[in-house]
Structure formats: C-alpha cells, structure tokens
Amino acid sequence: LNHEVFSDVKELQVLRCRGCGVAAVNRSLFEQLAELQVLDLGDNKLAH
C-alpha cells in the first residue's frame, strides 16, 4: 500500500484491505490517513 496513492483522500475514515496479501505497512501510510476510524487489515501476512 503505497502512501503516495492516498495523498488525495486524507479525509478517509474507513480503509479496508482484507485479504490483499499485505506483508508490511509503512508508518507514512498512516500519517497520510490520520483521520482513519476503521482499519481492516485482516487475512493478510503481517508478522509485526
């Protein structure tokens, strides 16, 4: 999930990427989406 993709939707409150194969997330992504109220990263490959 490239944080630059979400630079135009900074008011996003709900982001779901369940079952996308995500293995890691970058803090920069969450800095772009500081207004998030619901984050669904279930069924991925996050180990940390």
ModelCIF file with pLDDT and N, C-alpha, C, O atoms, coordinates in Angstrom:
data_MODEL
#
_entry.id   MODEL 
#
_entity.id                         1 
_entity.type                       polymer 
_entity.pdbx_number_of_molecules   1 
#
_entity_poly.entity_id                      1 
_entity_poly.type                           'polypeptide(L)' 
_entity_poly.nstd_linkage                   no 
_entity_poly.nstd_monomer                   no 
_entity_poly.pdbx_seq_one_letter_code       LNHEVFSDVKELQVLRCRGCGVAAVNRSLFEQLAELQVLDLGDNKLAH 
_entity_poly.pdbx_seq_one_letter_code_can   LNHEVFSDVKELQVLRCRGCGVAAVNRSLFEQLAELQVLDLGDNKLAH 
_entity_poly.pdbx_strand_id                 A 
#
loop_
_entity_poly_seq.entity_id 
_entity_poly_seq.num 
_entity_poly_seq.mon_id 
_entity_poly_seq.hetero 
1 1  LEU n 
1 2  ASN n 
1 3  HIS n 
1 4  GLU n 
1 5  VAL n 
1 6  PHE n 
1 7  SER n 
1 8  ASP n 
1 9  VAL n 
1 10 LYS n 
1 11 GLU n 
1 12 LEU n 
1 13 GLN n 
1 14 VAL n 
1 15 LEU n 
1 16 ARG n 
1 17 CYS n 
1 18 ARG n 
1 19 GLY n 
1 20 CYS n 
1 21 GLY n 
1 22 VAL n 
1 23 ALA n 
1 24 ALA n 
1 25 VAL n 
1 26 ASN n 
1 27 ARG n 
1 28 SER n 
1 29 LEU n 
1 30 PHE n 
1 31 GLU n 
1 32 GLN n 
1 33 LEU n 
1 34 ALA n 
1 35 GLU n 
1 36 LEU n 
1 37 GLN n 
1 38 VAL n 
1 39 LEU n 
1 40 ASP n 
1 41 LEU n 
1 42 GLY n 
1 43 ASP n 
1 44 ASN n 
1 45 LYS n 
1 46 LEU n 
1 47 ALA n 
1 48 HIS n 
#
_struct_asym.id          A 
_struct_asym.entity_id   1 
#
loop_
_ma_qa_metric.id 
_ma_qa_metric.mode 
_ma_qa_metric.name 
_ma_qa_metric.software_group_id 
_ma_qa_metric.type 
1 global pLDDT . pLDDT 
2 local  pLDDT . pLDDT 
#
_ma_qa_metric_global.metric_id      1 
_ma_qa_metric_global.metric_value   95.56 
_ma_qa_metric_global.model_id       1 
_ma_qa_metric_global.ordinal_id     1 
#
loop_
_ma_qa_metric_local.label_asym_id 
_ma_qa_metric_local.label_comp_id 
_ma_qa_metric_local.label_seq_id 
_ma_qa_metric_local.metric_id 
_ma_qa_metric_local.metric_value 
_ma_qa_metric_local.model_id 
_ma_qa_metric_local.ordinal_id 
A LEU 1  2 93.00 1 1  
A ASN 2  2 92.00 1 2  
A HIS 3  2 93.00 1 3  
A GLU 4  2 93.00 1 4  
A VAL 5  2 94.00 1 5  
A PHE 6  2 96.00 1 6  
A SER 7  2 93.00 1 7  
A ASP 8  2 94.00 1 8  
A VAL 9  2 95.00 1 9  
A LYS 10 2 94.00 1 10 
A GLU 11 2 95.00 1 11 
A LEU 12 2 97.00 1 12 
A GLN 13 2 98.00 1 13 
A VAL 14 2 98.00 1 14 
A LEU 15 2 98.00 1 15 
A ARG 16 2 98.00 1 16 
A CYS 17 2 98.00 1 17 
A ARG 18 2 98.00 1 18 
A GLY 19 2 97.00 1 19 
A CYS 20 2 97.00 1 20 
A GLY 21 2 96.00 1 21 
A VAL 22 2 96.00 1 22 
A ALA 23 2 95.00 1 23 
A ALA 24 2 93.00 1 24 
A VAL 25 2 92.00 1 25 
A ASN 26 2 87.00 1 26 
A ARG 27 2 91.00 1 27 
A SER 28 2 93.00 1 28 
A LEU 29 2 95.00 1 29 
A PHE 30 2 96.00 1 30 
A GLU 31 2 95.00 1 31 
A GLN 32 2 94.00 1 32 
A LEU 33 2 96.00 1 33 
A ALA 34 2 95.00 1 34 
A GLU 35 2 96.00 1 35 
A LEU 36 2 98.00 1 36 
A GLN 37 2 98.00 1 37 
A VAL 38 2 98.00 1 38 
A LEU 39 2 98.00 1 39 
A ASP 40 2 98.00 1 40 
A LEU 41 2 98.00 1 41 
A GLY 42 2 98.00 1 42 
A ASP 43 2 98.00 1 43 
A ASN 44 2 98.00 1 44 
A LYS 45 2 97.00 1 45 
A LEU 46 2 97.00 1 46 
A ALA 47 2 96.00 1 47 
A HIS 48 2 94.00 1 48 
#
loop_
_atom_site.group_PDB 
_atom_site.id 
_atom_site.type_symbol 
_atom_site.label_atom_id 
_atom_site.label_alt_id 
_atom_site.label_comp_id 
_atom_site.label_asym_id 
_atom_site.label_entity_id 
_atom_site.label_seq_id 
_atom_site.pdbx_PDB_ins_code 
_atom_site.Cartn_x 
_atom_site.Cartn_y 
_atom_site.Cartn_z 
_atom_site.occupancy 
_atom_site.B_iso_or_equiv 
_atom_site.pdbx_formal_charge 
_atom_site.auth_seq_id 
_atom_site.auth_comp_id 
_atom_site.auth_asym_id 
_atom_site.auth_atom_id 
_atom_site.pdbx_PDB_model_num 
ATOM 1   N N  . LEU A 1 1  ? 0.860   -1.179  0.000  1.00 93.00 ? 1  LEU A N  1 
ATOM 2   C CA . LEU A 1 1  ? 0.000   0.000   0.000  1.00 93.00 ? 1  LEU A CA 1 
ATOM 3   C C  . LEU A 1 1  ? 0.900   1.234   0.000  1.00 93.00 ? 1  LEU A C  1 
ATOM 4   O O  . LEU A 1 1  ? 1.407   1.649   1.042  1.00 93.00 ? 1  LEU A O  1 
ATOM 5   N N  . ASN A 1 2  ? 1.086   1.803   -1.168 1.00 92.00 ? 2  ASN A N  1 
ATOM 6   C CA . ASN A 1 2  ? 1.957   2.965   -1.332 1.00 92.00 ? 2  ASN A CA 1 
ATOM 7   C C  . ASN A 1 2  ? 1.264   4.200   -0.758 1.00 92.00 ? 2  ASN A C  1 
ATOM 8   O O  . ASN A 1 2  ? 0.142   4.529   -1.144 1.00 92.00 ? 2  ASN A O  1 
ATOM 9   N N  . HIS A 1 3  ? 1.938   4.873   0.159  1.00 93.00 ? 3  HIS A N  1 
ATOM 10  C CA . HIS A 1 3  ? 1.310   6.016   0.820  1.00 93.00 ? 3  HIS A CA 1 
ATOM 11  C C  . HIS A 1 3  ? 1.009   7.146   -0.151 1.00 93.00 ? 3  HIS A C  1 
ATOM 12  O O  . HIS A 1 3  ? 0.100   7.936   0.104  1.00 93.00 ? 3  HIS A O  1 
ATOM 13  N N  . GLU A 1 4  ? 1.754   7.253   -1.278 1.00 93.00 ? 4  GLU A N  1 
ATOM 14  C CA . GLU A 1 4  ? 1.514   8.323   -2.236 1.00 93.00 ? 4  GLU A CA 1 
ATOM 15  C C  . GLU A 1 4  ? 0.159   8.172   -2.922 1.00 93.00 ? 4  GLU A C  1 
ATOM 16  O O  . GLU A 1 4  ? -0.424  9.162   -3.365 1.00 93.00 ? 4  GLU A O  1 
ATOM 17  N N  . VAL A 1 5  ? -0.344  6.952   -3.011 1.00 94.00 ? 5  VAL A N  1 
ATOM 18  C CA . VAL A 1 5  ? -1.640  6.716   -3.650 1.00 94.00 ? 5  VAL A CA 1 
ATOM 19  C C  . VAL A 1 5  ? -2.763  7.398   -2.878 1.00 94.00 ? 5  VAL A C  1 
ATOM 20  O O  . VAL A 1 5  ? -3.769  7.805   -3.460 1.00 94.00 ? 5  VAL A O  1 
ATOM 21  N N  . PHE A 1 6  ? -2.587  7.521   -1.563 1.00 96.00 ? 6  PHE A N  1 
ATOM 22  C CA . PHE A 1 6  ? -3.655  8.024   -0.702 1.00 96.00 ? 6  PHE A CA 1 
ATOM 23  C C  . PHE A 1 6  ? -3.496  9.503   -0.359 1.00 96.00 ? 6  PHE A C  1 
ATOM 24  O O  . PHE A 1 6  ? -4.142  10.003  0.563  1.00 96.00 ? 6  PHE A O  1 
ATOM 25  N N  . SER A 1 7  ? -2.655  10.186  -1.085 1.00 93.00 ? 7  SER A N  1 
ATOM 26  C CA . SER A 1 7  ? -2.433  11.612  -0.791 1.00 93.00 ? 7  SER A CA 1 
ATOM 27  C C  . SER A 1 7  ? -3.651  12.466  -1.124 1.00 93.00 ? 7  SER A C  1 
ATOM 28  O O  . SER A 1 7  ? -3.773  13.579  -0.612 1.00 93.00 ? 7  SER A O  1 
ATOM 29  N N  . ASP A 1 8  ? -4.557  11.971  -1.972 1.00 94.00 ? 8  ASP A N  1 
ATOM 30  C CA . ASP A 1 8  ? -5.746  12.739  -2.348 1.00 94.00 ? 8  ASP A CA 1 
ATOM 31  C C  . ASP A 1 8  ? -6.959  12.424  -1.487 1.00 94.00 ? 8  ASP A C  1 
ATOM 32  O O  . ASP A 1 8  ? -8.006  13.048  -1.659 1.00 94.00 ? 8  ASP A O  1 
ATOM 33  N N  . VAL A 1 9  ? -6.847  11.483  -0.575 1.00 95.00 ? 9  VAL A N  1 
ATOM 34  C CA . VAL A 1 9  ? -8.008  11.089  0.241  1.00 95.00 ? 9  VAL A CA 1 
ATOM 35  C C  . VAL A 1 9  ? -7.637  11.170  1.728  1.00 95.00 ? 9  VAL A C  1 
ATOM 36  O O  . VAL A 1 9  ? -7.809  10.207  2.474  1.00 95.00 ? 9  VAL A O  1 
ATOM 37  N N  . LYS A 1 10 ? -7.144  12.297  2.129  1.00 94.00 ? 10 LYS A N  1 
ATOM 38  C CA . LYS A 1 10 ? -6.687  12.457  3.504  1.00 94.00 ? 10 LYS A CA 1 
ATOM 39  C C  . LYS A 1 10 ? -7.832  12.506  4.511  1.00 94.00 ? 10 LYS A C  1 
ATOM 40  O O  . LYS A 1 10 ? -7.597  12.397  5.715  1.00 94.00 ? 10 LYS A O  1 
ATOM 41  N N  . GLU A 1 11 ? -9.063  12.668  4.039  1.00 95.00 ? 11 GLU A N  1 
ATOM 42  C CA . GLU A 1 11 ? -10.212 12.668  4.934  1.00 95.00 ? 11 GLU A CA 1 
ATOM 43  C C  . GLU A 1 11 ? -10.804 11.262  5.108  1.00 95.00 ? 11 GLU A C  1 
ATOM 44  O O  . GLU A 1 11 ? -11.862 11.099  5.716  1.00 95.00 ? 11 GLU A O  1 
ATOM 45  N N  . LEU A 1 12 ? -10.122 10.268  4.578  1.00 97.00 ? 12 LEU A N  1 
ATOM 46  C CA . LEU A 1 12 ? -10.632 8.894   4.631  1.00 97.00 ? 12 LEU A CA 1 
ATOM 47  C C  . LEU A 1 12 ? -10.811 8.450   6.080  1.00 97.00 ? 12 LEU A C  1 
ATOM 48  O O  . LEU A 1 12 ? -9.921  8.631   6.912  1.00 97.00 ? 12 LEU A O  1 
ATOM 49  N N  . GLN A 1 13 ? -11.975 7.865   6.370  1.00 98.00 ? 13 GLN A N  1 
ATOM 50  C CA . GLN A 1 13 ? -12.278 7.395   7.719  1.00 98.00 ? 13 GLN A CA 1 
ATOM 51  C C  . GLN A 1 13 ? -12.311 5.874   7.823  1.00 98.00 ? 13 GLN A C  1 
ATOM 52  O O  . GLN A 1 13 ? -12.098 5.322   8.902  1.00 98.00 ? 13 GLN A O  1 
ATOM 53  N N  . VAL A 1 14 ? -12.577 5.191   6.707  1.00 98.00 ? 14 VAL A N  1 
ATOM 54  C CA . VAL A 1 14 ? -12.645 3.727   6.706  1.00 98.00 ? 14 VAL A CA 1 
ATOM 55  C C  . VAL A 1 14 ? -11.791 3.207   5.563  1.00 98.00 ? 14 VAL A C  1 
ATOM 56  O O  . VAL A 1 14 ? -12.007 3.571   4.407  1.00 98.00 ? 14 VAL A O  1 
ATOM 57  N N  . LEU A 1 15 ? -10.819 2.354   5.883  1.00 98.00 ? 15 LEU A N  1 
ATOM 58  C CA . LEU A 1 15 ? -9.979  1.708   4.873  1.00 98.00 ? 15 LEU A CA 1 
ATOM 59  C C  . LEU A 1 15 ? -9.993  0.214   5.134  1.00 98.00 ? 15 LEU A C  1 
ATOM 60  O O  . LEU A 1 15 ? -9.642  -0.256  6.216  1.00 98.00 ? 15 LEU A O  1 
ATOM 61  N N  . ARG A 1 16 ? -10.411 -0.522  4.101  1.00 98.00 ? 16 ARG A N  1 
ATOM 62  C CA . ARG A 1 16 ? -10.426 -1.981  4.194  1.00 98.00 ? 16 ARG A CA 1 
ATOM 63  C C  . ARG A 1 16 ? -9.555  -2.552  3.079  1.00 98.00 ? 16 ARG A C  1 
ATOM 64  O O  . ARG A 1 16 ? -9.753  -2.267  1.898  1.00 98.00 ? 16 ARG A O  1 
ATOM 65  N N  . CYS A 1 17 ? -8.594  -3.358  3.489  1.00 98.00 ? 17 CYS A N  1 
ATOM 66  C CA . CYS A 1 17 ? -7.762  -4.081  2.528  1.00 98.00 ? 17 CYS A CA 1 
ATOM 67  C C  . CYS A 1 17 ? -7.570  -5.501  3.055  1.00 98.00 ? 17 CYS A C  1 
ATOM 68  O O  . CYS A 1 17 ? -6.445  -5.976  3.214  1.00 98.00 ? 17 CYS A O  1 
ATOM 69  N N  . ARG A 1 18 ? -8.659  -6.145  3.314  1.00 98.00 ? 18 ARG A N  1 
ATOM 70  C CA . ARG A 1 18 ? -8.654  -7.521  3.833  1.00 98.00 ? 18 ARG A CA 1 
ATOM 71  C C  . ARG A 1 18 ? -8.308  -8.489  2.706  1.00 98.00 ? 18 ARG A C  1 
ATOM 72  O O  . ARG A 1 18 ? -8.830  -8.387  1.596  1.00 98.00 ? 18 ARG A O  1 
ATOM 73  N N  . GLY A 1 19 ? -7.407  -9.438  3.018  1.00 97.00 ? 19 GLY A N  1 
ATOM 74  C CA . GLY A 1 19 ? -7.065  -10.460 2.037  1.00 97.00 ? 19 GLY A CA 1 
ATOM 75  C C  . GLY A 1 19 ? -6.322  -9.930  0.830  1.00 97.00 ? 19 GLY A C  1 
ATOM 76  O O  . GLY A 1 19 ? -6.484  -10.456 -0.272 1.00 97.00 ? 19 GLY A O  1 
ATOM 77  N N  . CYS A 1 20 ? -5.504  -8.891  1.013  1.00 97.00 ? 20 CYS A N  1 
ATOM 78  C CA . CYS A 1 20 ? -4.754  -8.314  -0.107 1.00 97.00 ? 20 CYS A CA 1 
ATOM 79  C C  . CYS A 1 20 ? -3.328  -8.858  -0.212 1.00 97.00 ? 20 CYS A C  1 
ATOM 80  O O  . CYS A 1 20 ? -2.625  -8.556  -1.176 1.00 97.00 ? 20 CYS A O  1 
ATOM 81  N N  . GLY A 1 21 ? -2.892  -9.657  0.770  1.00 96.00 ? 21 GLY A N  1 
ATOM 82  C CA . GLY A 1 21 ? -1.519  -10.161 0.766  1.00 96.00 ? 21 GLY A CA 1 
ATOM 83  C C  . GLY A 1 21 ? -0.513  -9.179  1.323  1.00 96.00 ? 21 GLY A C  1 
ATOM 84  O O  . GLY A 1 21 ? 0.677   -9.284  1.028  1.00 96.00 ? 21 GLY A O  1 
ATOM 85  N N  . VAL A 1 22 ? -0.962  -8.228  2.120  1.00 96.00 ? 22 VAL A N  1 
ATOM 86  C CA . VAL A 1 22 ? -0.068  -7.207  2.684  1.00 96.00 ? 22 VAL A CA 1 
ATOM 87  C C  . VAL A 1 22 ? 0.848   -7.850  3.726  1.00 96.00 ? 22 VAL A C  1 
ATOM 88  O O  . VAL A 1 22 ? 0.377   -8.486  4.668  1.00 96.00 ? 22 VAL A O  1 
ATOM 89  N N  . ALA A 1 23 ? 2.154   -7.680  3.551  1.00 95.00 ? 23 ALA A N  1 
ATOM 90  C CA . ALA A 1 23 ? 3.134   -8.250  4.478  1.00 95.00 ? 23 ALA A CA 1 
ATOM 91  C C  . ALA A 1 23 ? 3.698   -7.210  5.431  1.00 95.00 ? 23 ALA A C  1 
ATOM 92  O O  . ALA A 1 23 ? 4.240   -7.568  6.476  1.00 95.00 ? 23 ALA A O  1 
ATOM 93  N N  . ALA A 1 24 ? 3.585   -5.939  5.098  1.00 93.00 ? 24 ALA A N  1 
ATOM 94  C CA . ALA A 1 24 ? 4.108   -4.878  5.961  1.00 93.00 ? 24 ALA A CA 1 
ATOM 95  C C  . ALA A 1 24 ? 3.401   -3.570  5.612  1.00 93.00 ? 24 ALA A C  1 
ATOM 96  O O  . ALA A 1 24 ? 2.916   -3.385  4.495  1.00 93.00 ? 24 ALA A O  1 
ATOM 97  N N  . VAL A 1 25 ? 3.353   -2.669  6.590  1.00 92.00 ? 25 VAL A N  1 
ATOM 98  C CA . VAL A 1 25 ? 2.779   -1.347  6.371  1.00 92.00 ? 25 VAL A CA 1 
ATOM 99  C C  . VAL A 1 25 ? 3.798   -0.301  6.790  1.00 92.00 ? 25 VAL A C  1 
ATOM 100 O O  . VAL A 1 25 ? 4.594   -0.502  7.707  1.00 92.00 ? 25 VAL A O  1 
ATOM 101 N N  . ASN A 1 26 ? 3.748   0.805   6.096  1.00 87.00 ? 26 ASN A N  1 
ATOM 102 C CA . ASN A 1 26 ? 4.676   1.894   6.351  1.00 87.00 ? 26 ASN A CA 1 
ATOM 103 C C  . ASN A 1 26 ? 3.985   2.945   7.207  1.00 87.00 ? 26 ASN A C  1 
ATOM 104 O O  . ASN A 1 26 ? 2.822   3.279   6.980  1.00 87.00 ? 26 ASN A O  1 
ATOM 105 N N  . ARG A 1 27 ? 4.700   3.459   8.181  1.00 91.00 ? 27 ARG A N  1 
ATOM 106 C CA . ARG A 1 27 ? 4.127   4.498   9.031  1.00 91.00 ? 27 ARG A CA 1 
ATOM 107 C C  . ARG A 1 27 ? 3.689   5.706   8.214  1.00 91.00 ? 27 ARG A C  1 
ATOM 108 O O  . ARG A 1 27 ? 2.761   6.414   8.604  1.00 91.00 ? 27 ARG A O  1 
ATOM 109 N N  . SER A 1 28 ? 4.345   5.945   7.089  1.00 93.00 ? 28 SER A N  1 
ATOM 110 C CA . SER A 1 28 ? 3.974   7.085   6.240  1.00 93.00 ? 28 SER A CA 1 
ATOM 111 C C  . SER A 1 28 ? 2.549   6.953   5.723  1.00 93.00 ? 28 SER A C  1 
ATOM 112 O O  . SER A 1 28 ? 1.868   7.956   5.511  1.00 93.00 ? 28 SER A O  1 
ATOM 113 N N  . LEU A 1 29 ? 2.093   5.708   5.519  1.00 95.00 ? 29 LEU A N  1 
ATOM 114 C CA . LEU A 1 29 ? 0.719   5.499   5.085  1.00 95.00 ? 29 LEU A CA 1 
ATOM 115 C C  . LEU A 1 29 ? -0.257  6.013   6.133  1.00 95.00 ? 29 LEU A C  1 
ATOM 116 O O  . LEU A 1 29 ? -1.227  6.700   5.810  1.00 95.00 ? 29 LEU A O  1 
ATOM 117 N N  . PHE A 1 30 ? 0.007   5.673   7.395  1.00 96.00 ? 30 PHE A N  1 
ATOM 118 C CA . PHE A 1 30 ? -0.895  6.104   8.460  1.00 96.00 ? 30 PHE A CA 1 
ATOM 119 C C  . PHE A 1 30 ? -0.781  7.594   8.728  1.00 96.00 ? 30 PHE A C  1 
ATOM 120 O O  . PHE A 1 30 ? -1.735  8.210   9.203  1.00 96.00 ? 30 PHE A O  1 
ATOM 121 N N  . GLU A 1 31 ? 0.361   8.179   8.433  1.00 95.00 ? 31 GLU A N  1 
ATOM 122 C CA . GLU A 1 31 ? 0.477   9.628   8.564  1.00 95.00 ? 31 GLU A CA 1 
ATOM 123 C C  . GLU A 1 31 ? -0.385  10.338  7.526  1.00 95.00 ? 31 GLU A C  1 
ATOM 124 O O  . GLU A 1 31 ? -0.930  11.408  7.796  1.00 95.00 ? 31 GLU A O  1 
ATOM 125 N N  . GLN A 1 32 ? -0.509  9.746   6.342  1.00 94.00 ? 32 GLN A N  1 
ATOM 126 C CA . GLN A 1 32 ? -1.396  10.312  5.331  1.00 94.00 ? 32 GLN A CA 1 
ATOM 127 C C  . GLN A 1 32 ? -2.860  10.183  5.737  1.00 94.00 ? 32 GLN A C  1 
ATOM 128 O O  . GLN A 1 32 ? -3.685  11.022  5.374  1.00 94.00 ? 32 GLN A O  1 
ATOM 129 N N  . LEU A 1 33 ? -3.187  9.122   6.499  1.00 96.00 ? 33 LEU A N  1 
ATOM 130 C CA . LEU A 1 33 ? -4.579  8.803   6.831  1.00 96.00 ? 33 LEU A CA 1 
ATOM 131 C C  . LEU A 1 33 ? -4.820  8.966   8.325  1.00 96.00 ? 33 LEU A C  1 
ATOM 132 O O  . LEU A 1 33 ? -5.337  8.060   8.980  1.00 96.00 ? 33 LEU A O  1 
ATOM 133 N N  . ALA A 1 34 ? -4.451  10.105  8.854  1.00 95.00 ? 34 ALA A N  1 
ATOM 134 C CA . ALA A 1 34 ? -4.551  10.322  10.297 1.00 95.00 ? 34 ALA A CA 1 
ATOM 135 C C  . ALA A 1 34 ? -5.989  10.387  10.787 1.00 95.00 ? 34 ALA A C  1 
ATOM 136 O O  . ALA A 1 34 ? -6.223  10.296  11.992 1.00 95.00 ? 34 ALA A O  1 
ATOM 137 N N  . GLU A 1 35 ? -6.967  10.542  9.885  1.00 96.00 ? 35 GLU A N  1 
ATOM 138 C CA . GLU A 1 35 ? -8.368  10.623  10.287 1.00 96.00 ? 35 GLU A CA 1 
ATOM 139 C C  . GLU A 1 35 ? -9.065  9.263   10.304 1.00 96.00 ? 35 GLU A C  1 
ATOM 140 O O  . GLU A 1 35 ? -10.269 9.186   10.549 1.00 96.00 ? 35 GLU A O  1 
ATOM 141 N N  . LEU A 1 36 ? -8.320  8.200   10.048 1.00 98.00 ? 36 LEU A N  1 
ATOM 142 C CA . LEU A 1 36 ? -8.933  6.868   9.989  1.00 98.00 ? 36 LEU A CA 1 
ATOM 143 C C  . LEU A 1 36 ? -9.606  6.508   11.310 1.00 98.00 ? 36 LEU A C  1 
ATOM 144 O O  . LEU A 1 36 ? -9.047  6.705   12.389 1.00 98.00 ? 36 LEU A O  1 
ATOM 145 N N  . GLN A 1 37 ? -10.815 5.978   11.197 1.00 98.00 ? 37 GLN A N  1 
ATOM 146 C CA . GLN A 1 37 ? -11.539 5.462   12.353 1.00 98.00 ? 37 GLN A CA 1 
ATOM 147 C C  . GLN A 1 37 ? -11.671 3.939   12.311 1.00 98.00 ? 37 GLN A C  1 
ATOM 148 O O  . GLN A 1 37 ? -11.790 3.295   13.353 1.00 98.00 ? 37 GLN A O  1 
ATOM 149 N N  . VAL A 1 38 ? -11.651 3.364   11.105 1.00 98.00 ? 38 VAL A N  1 
ATOM 150 C CA . VAL A 1 38 ? -11.737 1.916   10.930 1.00 98.00 ? 38 VAL A CA 1 
ATOM 151 C C  . VAL A 1 38 ? -10.618 1.477   10.004 1.00 98.00 ? 38 VAL A C  1 
ATOM 152 O O  . VAL A 1 38 ? -10.503 1.969   8.881  1.00 98.00 ? 38 VAL A O  1 
ATOM 153 N N  . LEU A 1 39 ? -9.791  0.549   10.477 1.00 98.00 ? 39 LEU A N  1 
ATOM 154 C CA . LEU A 1 39 ? -8.708  -0.017  9.669  1.00 98.00 ? 39 LEU A CA 1 
ATOM 155 C C  . LEU A 1 39 ? -8.841  -1.532  9.689  1.00 98.00 ? 39 LEU A C  1 
ATOM 156 O O  . LEU A 1 39 ? -8.723  -2.164  10.739 1.00 98.00 ? 39 LEU A O  1 
ATOM 157 N N  . ASP A 1 40 ? -9.087  -2.105  8.518  1.00 98.00 ? 40 ASP A N  1 
ATOM 158 C CA . ASP A 1 40 ? -9.264  -3.555  8.399  1.00 98.00 ? 40 ASP A CA 1 
ATOM 159 C C  . ASP A 1 40 ? -8.145  -4.113  7.535  1.00 98.00 ? 40 ASP A C  1 
ATOM 160 O O  . ASP A 1 40 ? -8.136  -3.939  6.316  1.00 98.00 ? 40 ASP A O  1 
ATOM 161 N N  . LEU A 1 41 ? -7.192  -4.792  8.190  1.00 98.00 ? 41 LEU A N  1 
ATOM 162 C CA . LEU A 1 41 ? -6.090  -5.459  7.507  1.00 98.00 ? 41 LEU A CA 1 
ATOM 163 C C  . LEU A 1 41 ? -6.106  -6.954  7.818  1.00 98.00 ? 41 LEU A C  1 
ATOM 164 O O  . LEU A 1 41 ? -5.053  -7.586  7.899  1.00 98.00 ? 41 LEU A O  1 
ATOM 165 N N  . GLY A 1 42 ? -7.277  -7.505  7.988  1.00 98.00 ? 42 GLY A N  1 
ATOM 166 C CA . GLY A 1 42 ? -7.404  -8.915  8.305  1.00 98.00 ? 42 GLY A CA 1 
ATOM 167 C C  . GLY A 1 42 ? -7.043  -9.809  7.134  1.00 98.00 ? 42 GLY A C  1 
ATOM 168 O O  . GLY A 1 42 ? -7.074  -9.384  5.979  1.00 98.00 ? 42 GLY A O  1 
ATOM 169 N N  . ASP A 1 43 ? -6.698  -11.063 7.447  1.00 98.00 ? 43 ASP A N  1 
ATOM 170 C CA . ASP A 1 43 ? -6.374  -12.083 6.440  1.00 98.00 ? 43 ASP A CA 1 
ATOM 171 C C  . ASP A 1 43 ? -5.245  -11.639 5.520  1.00 98.00 ? 43 ASP A C  1 
ATOM 172 O O  . ASP A 1 43 ? -5.320  -11.817 4.304  1.00 98.00 ? 43 ASP A O  1 
ATOM 173 N N  . ASN A 1 44 ? -4.206  -11.064 6.100  1.00 98.00 ? 44 ASN A N  1 
ATOM 174 C CA . ASN A 1 44 ? -3.016  -10.693 5.355  1.00 98.00 ? 44 ASN A CA 1 
ATOM 175 C C  . ASN A 1 44 ? -1.809  -11.471 5.888  1.00 98.00 ? 44 ASN A C  1 
ATOM 176 O O  . ASN A 1 44 ? -1.972  -12.542 6.473  1.00 98.00 ? 44 ASN A O  1 
ATOM 177 N N  . LYS A 1 45 ? -0.600  -10.936 5.688  1.00 97.00 ? 45 LYS A N  1 
ATOM 178 C CA . LYS A 1 45 ? 0.620   -11.650 6.080  1.00 97.00 ? 45 LYS A CA 1 
ATOM 179 C C  . LYS A 1 45 ? 1.462   -10.849 7.065  1.00 97.00 ? 45 LYS A C  1 
ATOM 180 O O  . LYS A 1 45 ? 2.684   -10.998 7.105  1.00 97.00 ? 45 LYS A O  1 
ATOM 181 N N  . LEU A 1 46 ? 0.826   -10.014 7.847  1.00 97.00 ? 46 LEU A N  1 
ATOM 182 C CA . LEU A 1 46 ? 1.556   -9.179  8.795  1.00 97.00 ? 46 LEU A CA 1 
ATOM 183 C C  . LEU A 1 46 ? 2.134   -10.034 9.914  1.00 97.00 ? 46 LEU A C  1 
ATOM 184 O O  . LEU A 1 46 ? 1.410   -10.772 10.583 1.00 97.00 ? 46 LEU A O  1 
ATOM 185 N N  . ALA A 1 47 ? 3.431   -9.930  10.107 1.00 96.00 ? 47 ALA A N  1 
ATOM 186 C CA . ALA A 1 47 ? 4.093   -10.659 11.185 1.00 96.00 ? 47 ALA A CA 1 
ATOM 187 C C  . ALA A 1 47 ? 4.510   -9.737  12.320 1.00 96.00 ? 47 ALA A C  1 
ATOM 188 O O  . ALA A 1 47 ? 4.901   -10.204 13.389 1.00 96.00 ? 47 ALA A O  1 
ATOM 189 N N  . HIS A 1 48 ? 4.430   -8.446  12.097 1.00 94.00 ? 48 HIS A N  1 
ATOM 190 C CA . HIS A 1 48 ? 4.863   -7.497  13.129 1.00 94.00 ? 48 HIS A CA 1 
ATOM 191 C C  . HIS A 1 48 ? 4.120   -6.186  12.941 1.00 94.00 ? 48 HIS A C  1 
ATOM 192 O O  . HIS A 1 48 ? 4.331   -5.242  13.702 1.00 94.00 ? 48 HIS A O  1 
#
